[in-house]
Amino acid sequence: MPKMKTSKSAAKRFKKTGTGKLKRNKAYKSHILTKKSAKRKRNLRKSTVTDATNVKNMKRILPYL
């Protein structure tokens, strides 16, 4: 059976934590920032864990992570 290919775009966006969960950055931080509050922009800087409903799909496109 041939090797599985990693989705390179996903590999650049997700990192694995020590417990095996997937860490991601938050969206909505690239433009139209003037109307967003400082608190909201500050919280968008932080990374978060990928939701459990998406983990099955993420494991398929990141087989070697």
PDB file of N, CA and C in Angstrom:
ATOM      1  N   MET A   1       0.839  -1.187   0.000  1.00  0.00           N
ATOM      2  CA  MET A   1       0.000   0.000   0.000  1.00  0.00           C
ATOM      3  C   MET A   1       0.885   1.252   0.000  1.00  0.00           C
ATOM      4  N   PRO A   2       0.559   2.259  -0.803  1.00  0.00           N
ATOM      5  CA  PRO A   2       1.409   3.445  -0.848  1.00  0.00           C
ATOM      6  C   PRO A   2       1.319   4.271   0.425  1.00  0.00           C
ATOM      7  N   LYS A   3       2.297   5.137   0.573  1.00  0.00           N
ATOM      8  CA  LYS A   3       2.297   6.047   1.715  1.00  0.00           C
ATOM      9  C   LYS A   3       1.114   6.998   1.622  1.00  0.00           C
ATOM     10  N   MET A   4       0.633   7.430   2.784  1.00  0.00           N
ATOM     11  CA  MET A   4      -0.432   8.435   2.821  1.00  0.00           C
ATOM     12  C   MET A   4       0.211   9.812   2.757  1.00  0.00           C
ATOM     13  N   LYS A   5      -0.440  10.737   2.075  1.00  0.00           N
ATOM     14  CA  LYS A   5       0.104  12.088   1.960  1.00  0.00           C
ATOM     15  C   LYS A   5      -0.475  13.001   3.030  1.00  0.00           C
ATOM     16  N   THR A   6       0.400  13.766   3.646  1.00  0.00           N
ATOM     17  CA  THR A   6       0.000  14.776   4.621  1.00  0.00           C
ATOM     18  C   THR A   6      -0.493  16.006   3.879  1.00  0.00           C
ATOM     19  N   SER A   7      -1.567  16.595   4.350  1.00  0.00           N
ATOM     20  CA  SER A   7      -2.018  17.878   3.825  1.00  0.00           C
ATOM     21  C   SER A   7      -1.074  18.941   4.352  1.00  0.00           C
ATOM     22  N   LYS A   8      -0.239  19.492   3.461  1.00  0.00           N
ATOM     23  CA  LYS A   8       0.791  20.437   3.899  1.00  0.00           C
ATOM     24  C   LYS A   8       0.191  21.728   4.437  1.00  0.00           C
ATOM     25  N   SER A   9      -0.954  22.128   3.881  1.00  0.00           N
ATOM     26  CA  SER A   9      -1.584  23.353   4.387  1.00  0.00           C
ATOM     27  C   SER A   9      -2.038  23.160   5.830  1.00  0.00           C
ATOM     28  N   ALA A  10      -2.561  21.980   6.152  1.00  0.00           N
ATOM     29  CA  ALA A  10      -2.996  21.698   7.520  1.00  0.00           C
ATOM     30  C   ALA A  10      -1.796  21.523   8.451  1.00  0.00           C
ATOM     31  N   ALA A  11      -0.730  20.926   7.941  1.00  0.00           N
ATOM     32  CA  ALA A  11       0.458  20.690   8.759  1.00  0.00           C
ATOM     33  C   ALA A  11       1.067  22.004   9.245  1.00  0.00           C
ATOM     34  N   LYS A  12       0.921  23.068   8.450  1.00  0.00           N
ATOM     35  CA  LYS A  12       1.451  24.368   8.845  1.00  0.00           C
ATOM     36  C   LYS A  12       0.568  25.066   9.873  1.00  0.00           C
ATOM     37  N   ARG A  13      -0.692  24.649   9.979  1.00  0.00           N
ATOM     38  CA  ARG A  13      -1.651  25.338  10.842  1.00  0.00           C
ATOM     39  C   ARG A  13      -1.900  24.643  12.175  1.00  0.00           C
ATOM     40  N   PHE A  14      -1.558  23.377  12.289  1.00  0.00           N
ATOM     41  CA  PHE A  14      -1.862  22.611  13.495  1.00  0.00           C
ATOM     42  C   PHE A  14      -0.603  22.023  14.089  1.00  0.00           C
ATOM     43  N   LYS A  15      -0.552  22.008  15.423  1.00  0.00           N
ATOM     44  CA  LYS A  15       0.544  21.383  16.151  1.00  0.00           C
ATOM     45  C   LYS A  15      -0.060  20.399  17.142  1.00  0.00           C
ATOM     46  N   LYS A  16       0.696  19.384  17.475  1.00  0.00           N
ATOM     47  CA  LYS A  16       0.224  18.388  18.423  1.00  0.00           C
ATOM     48  C   LYS A  16       0.688  18.755  19.828  1.00  0.00           C
ATOM     49  N   THR A  17      -0.199  18.621  20.813  1.00  0.00           N
ATOM     50  CA  THR A  17       0.177  18.893  22.203  1.00  0.00           C
ATOM     51  C   THR A  17       0.773  17.636  22.818  1.00  0.00           C
ATOM     52  N   GLY A  18       1.242  17.748  24.033  1.00  0.00           N
ATOM     53  CA  GLY A  18       1.841  16.608  24.707  1.00  0.00           C
ATOM     54  C   GLY A  18       0.864  15.468  24.945  1.00  0.00           C
ATOM     55  N   THR A  19      -0.410  15.789  25.106  1.00  0.00           N
ATOM     56  CA  THR A  19      -1.415  14.756  25.361  1.00  0.00           C
ATOM     57  C   THR A  19      -2.030  14.230  24.071  1.00  0.00           C
ATOM     58  N   GLY A  20      -1.567  14.742  22.914  1.00  0.00           N
ATOM     59  CA  GLY A  20      -2.063  14.227  21.639  1.00  0.00           C
ATOM     60  C   GLY A  20      -3.196  15.022  21.019  1.00  0.00           C
ATOM     61  N   LYS A  21      -3.581  16.132  21.648  1.00  0.00           N
ATOM     62  CA  LYS A  21      -4.635  16.967  21.075  1.00  0.00           C
ATOM     63  C   LYS A  21      -4.031  17.889  20.009  1.00  0.00           C
ATOM     64  N   LEU A  22      -4.893  18.471  19.193  1.00  0.00           N
ATOM     65  CA  LEU A  22      -4.423  19.369  18.143  1.00  0.00           C
ATOM     66  C   LEU A  22      -4.636  20.820  18.558  1.00  0.00           C
ATOM     67  N   LYS A  23      -3.566  21.602  18.454  1.00  0.00           N
ATOM     68  CA  LYS A  23      -3.597  23.007  18.817  1.00  0.00           C
ATOM     69  C   LYS A  23      -3.716  23.827  17.546  1.00  0.00           C
ATOM     70  N   ARG A  24      -4.524  24.894  17.589  1.00  0.00           N
ATOM     71  CA  ARG A  24      -4.711  25.749  16.416  1.00  0.00           C
ATOM     72  C   ARG A  24      -4.770  27.206  16.845  1.00  0.00           C
ATOM     73  N   ASN A  25      -4.548  28.085  15.878  1.00  0.00           N
ATOM     74  CA  ASN A  25      -4.714  29.519  16.122  1.00  0.00           C
ATOM     75  C   ASN A  25      -6.137  29.920  15.783  1.00  0.00           C
ATOM     76  N   LYS A  26      -6.585  31.020  16.352  1.00  0.00           N
ATOM     77  CA  LYS A  26      -7.950  31.481  16.117  1.00  0.00           C
ATOM     78  C   LYS A  26      -8.038  32.292  14.829  1.00  0.00           C
ATOM     79  N   ALA A  27      -9.234  32.327  14.257  1.00  0.00           N
ATOM     80  CA  ALA A  27      -9.483  33.070  13.024  1.00  0.00           C
ATOM     81  C   ALA A  27      -9.922  34.496  13.351  1.00  0.00           C
ATOM     82  N   TYR A  28     -10.195  35.280  12.321  1.00  0.00           N
ATOM     83  CA  TYR A  28     -10.726  36.657  12.428  1.00  0.00           C
ATOM     84  C   TYR A  28      -9.725  37.646  13.010  1.00  0.00           C
ATOM     85  N   LYS A  29      -8.437  37.462  12.748  1.00  0.00           N
ATOM     86  CA  LYS A  29      -7.417  38.368  13.282  1.00  0.00           C
ATOM     87  C   LYS A  29      -6.599  39.012  12.166  1.00  0.00           C
ATOM     88  N   SER A  30      -7.042  38.910  10.900  1.00  0.00           N
ATOM     89  CA  SER A  30      -6.191  39.384   9.810  1.00  0.00           C
ATOM     90  C   SER A  30      -6.560  40.775   9.290  1.00  0.00           C
ATOM     91  N   HIS A  31      -7.823  41.140   9.269  1.00  0.00           N
ATOM     92  CA  HIS A  31      -8.197  42.464   8.773  1.00  0.00           C
ATOM     93  C   HIS A  31      -9.512  42.893   9.413  1.00  0.00           C
ATOM     94  N   ILE A  32      -9.938  44.121   9.125  1.00  0.00           N
ATOM     95  CA  ILE A  32     -11.108  44.764   9.753  1.00  0.00           C
ATOM     96  C   ILE A  32     -10.956  44.741  11.278  1.00  0.00           C
ATOM     97  N   LEU A  33      -9.818  45.257  11.726  1.00  0.00           N
ATOM     98  CA  LEU A  33      -9.510  45.203  13.156  1.00  0.00           C
ATOM     99  C   LEU A  33      -9.956  46.452  13.911  1.00  0.00           C
ATOM    100  N   THR A  34     -10.316  47.507  13.194  1.00  0.00           N
ATOM    101  CA  THR A  34     -10.644  48.759  13.886  1.00  0.00           C
ATOM    102  C   THR A  34     -11.935  48.657  14.673  1.00  0.00           C
ATOM    103  N   LYS A  35     -12.881  47.871  14.197  1.00  0.00           N
ATOM    104  CA  LYS A  35     -14.163  47.754  14.902  1.00  0.00           C
ATOM    105  C   LYS A  35     -14.147  46.706  16.015  1.00  0.00           C
ATOM    106  N   LYS A  36     -13.072  45.938  16.095  1.00  0.00           N
ATOM    107  CA  LYS A  36     -12.969  44.924  17.150  1.00  0.00           C
ATOM    108  C   LYS A  36     -12.312  45.540  18.375  1.00  0.00           C
ATOM    109  N   SER A  37     -12.800  45.154  19.546  1.00  0.00           N
ATOM    110  CA  SER A  37     -12.263  45.720  20.785  1.00  0.00           C
ATOM    111  C   SER A  37     -10.872  45.160  21.069  1.00  0.00           C
ATOM    112  N   ALA A  38     -10.132  45.879  21.898  1.00  0.00           N
ATOM    113  CA  ALA A  38      -8.777  45.451  22.260  1.00  0.00           C
ATOM    114  C   ALA A  38      -8.826  44.111  22.972  1.00  0.00           C
ATOM    115  N   LYS A  39      -9.843  43.910  23.804  1.00  0.00           N
ATOM    116  CA  LYS A  39      -9.978  42.647  24.538  1.00  0.00           C
ATOM    117  C   LYS A  39     -10.197  41.486  23.570  1.00  0.00           C
ATOM    118  N   ARG A  40     -11.047  41.718  22.571  1.00  0.00           N
ATOM    119  CA  ARG A  40     -11.340  40.670  21.588  1.00  0.00           C
ATOM    120  C   ARG A  40     -10.101  40.321  20.765  1.00  0.00           C
ATOM    121  N   LYS A  41      -9.352  41.331  20.338  1.00  0.00           N
ATOM    122  CA  LYS A  41      -8.140  41.097  19.558  1.00  0.00           C
ATOM    123  C   LYS A  41      -7.077  40.389  20.394  1.00  0.00           C
ATOM    124  N   ARG A  42      -6.981  40.750  21.669  1.00  0.00           N
ATOM    125  CA  ARG A  42      -6.023  40.115  22.574  1.00  0.00           C
ATOM    126  C   ARG A  42      -6.346  38.634  22.736  1.00  0.00           C
ATOM    127  N   ASN A  43      -7.643  38.316  22.871  1.00  0.00           N
ATOM    128  CA  ASN A  43      -8.035  36.915  23.033  1.00  0.00           C
ATOM    129  C   ASN A  43      -7.864  36.120  21.749  1.00  0.00           C
ATOM    130  N   LEU A  44      -7.935  36.773  20.598  1.00  0.00           N
ATOM    131  CA  LEU A  44      -7.727  36.087  19.320  1.00  0.00           C
ATOM    132  C   LEU A  44      -6.272  35.682  19.118  1.00  0.00           C
ATOM    133  N   ARG A  45      -5.352  36.316  19.851  1.00  0.00           N
ATOM    134  CA  ARG A  45      -3.938  35.969  19.740  1.00  0.00           C
ATOM    135  C   ARG A  45      -3.643  34.589  20.311  1.00  0.00           C
ATOM    136  N   LYS A  46      -4.422  34.181  21.298  1.00  0.00           N
ATOM    137  CA  LYS A  46      -4.161  32.927  21.999  1.00  0.00           C
ATOM    138  C   LYS A  46      -4.534  31.733  21.135  1.00  0.00           C
ATOM    139  N   SER A  47      -3.813  30.646  21.308  1.00  0.00           N
ATOM    140  CA  SER A  47      -4.156  29.417  20.591  1.00  0.00           C
ATOM    141  C   SER A  47      -5.176  28.635  21.403  1.00  0.00           C
ATOM    142  N   THR A  48      -5.821  27.687  20.744  1.00  0.00           N
ATOM    143  CA  THR A  48      -6.849  26.881  21.395  1.00  0.00           C
ATOM    144  C   THR A  48      -6.772  25.460  20.871  1.00  0.00           C
ATOM    145  N   VAL A  49      -7.510  24.562  21.509  1.00  0.00           N
ATOM    146  CA  VAL A  49      -7.516  23.154  21.108  1.00  0.00           C
ATOM    147  C   VAL A  49      -8.623  22.936  20.077  1.00  0.00           C
ATOM    148  N   THR A  50      -8.328  22.146  19.046  1.00  0.00           N
ATOM    149  CA  THR A  50      -9.313  21.841  18.017  1.00  0.00           C
ATOM    150  C   THR A  50     -10.483  21.084  18.629  1.00  0.00           C
ATOM    151  N   ASP A  51     -11.686  21.407  18.183  1.00  0.00           N
ATOM    152  CA  ASP A  51     -12.900  20.798  18.714  1.00  0.00           C
ATOM    153  C   ASP A  51     -12.930  19.298  18.439  1.00  0.00           C
ATOM    154  N   ALA A  52     -13.514  18.534  19.347  1.00  0.00           N
ATOM    155  CA  ALA A  52     -13.549  17.074  19.238  1.00  0.00           C
ATOM    156  C   ALA A  52     -14.305  16.593  18.003  1.00  0.00           C
ATOM    157  N   THR A  53     -15.254  17.396  17.505  1.00  0.00           N
ATOM    158  CA  THR A  53     -16.023  16.985  16.329  1.00  0.00           C
ATOM    159  C   THR A  53     -15.180  16.981  15.058  1.00  0.00           C
ATOM    160  N   ASN A  54     -14.070  17.712  15.060  1.00  0.00           N
ATOM    161  CA  ASN A  54     -13.210  17.795  13.879  1.00  0.00           C
ATOM    162  C   ASN A  54     -12.005  16.877  13.936  1.00  0.00           C
ATOM    163  N   VAL A  55     -11.765  16.242  15.063  1.00  0.00           N
ATOM    164  CA  VAL A  55     -10.536  15.478  15.255  1.00  0.00           C
ATOM    165  C   VAL A  55     -10.431  14.315  14.277  1.00  0.00           C
ATOM    166  N   LYS A  56     -11.517  13.634  13.991  1.00  0.00           N
ATOM    167  CA  LYS A  56     -11.483  12.491  13.075  1.00  0.00           C
ATOM    168  C   LYS A  56     -11.003  12.911  11.688  1.00  0.00           C
ATOM    169  N   ASN A  57     -11.526  14.033  11.181  1.00  0.00           N
ATOM    170  CA  ASN A  57     -11.096  14.540   9.879  1.00  0.00           C
ATOM    171  C   ASN A  57      -9.644  14.992   9.919  1.00  0.00           C
ATOM    172  N   MET A  58      -9.229  15.603  11.009  1.00  0.00           N
ATOM    173  CA  MET A  58      -7.868  16.104  11.120  1.00  0.00           C
ATOM    174  C   MET A  58      -6.864  14.950  11.144  1.00  0.00           C
ATOM    175  N   LYS A  59      -7.207  13.857  11.794  1.00  0.00           N
ATOM    176  CA  LYS A  59      -6.315  12.697  11.842  1.00  0.00           C
ATOM    177  C   LYS A  59      -6.121  12.119  10.442  1.00  0.00           C
ATOM    178  N   ARG A  60      -7.153  12.227   9.600  1.00  0.00           N
ATOM    179  CA  ARG A  60      -7.057  11.689   8.239  1.00  0.00           C
ATOM    180  C   ARG A  60      -6.152  12.548   7.358  1.00  0.00           C
ATOM    181  N   ILE A  61      -6.218  13.867   7.497  1.00  0.00           N
ATOM    182  CA  ILE A  61      -5.371  14.705   6.640  1.00  0.00           C
ATOM    183  C   ILE A  61      -3.981  14.948   7.229  1.00  0.00           C
ATOM    184  N   LEU A  62      -3.786  14.555   8.503  1.00  0.00           N
ATOM    185  CA  LEU A  62      -2.473  14.643   9.138  1.00  0.00           C
ATOM    186  C   LEU A  62      -2.085  13.260   9.685  1.00  0.00           C
ATOM    187  N   PRO A  63      -1.853  12.284   8.816  1.00  0.00           N
ATOM    188  CA  PRO A  63      -1.643  10.915   9.303  1.00  0.00           C
ATOM    189  C   PRO A  63      -0.372  10.717  10.120  1.00  0.00           C
ATOM    190  N   TYR A  64       0.656  11.540   9.907  1.00  0.00           N
ATOM    191  CA  TYR A  64       1.934  11.321  10.581  1.00  0.00           C
ATOM    192  C   TYR A  64       2.218  12.334  11.667  1.00  0.00           C
ATOM    193  N   LEU A  65       1.226  13.123  12.040  1.00  0.00           N
ATOM    194  CA  LEU A  65       1.426  14.130  13.084  1.00  0.00           C
ATOM    195  C   LEU A  65       1.428  13.484  14.449  1.00  0.00           C
TER     196      LEU A  65
END
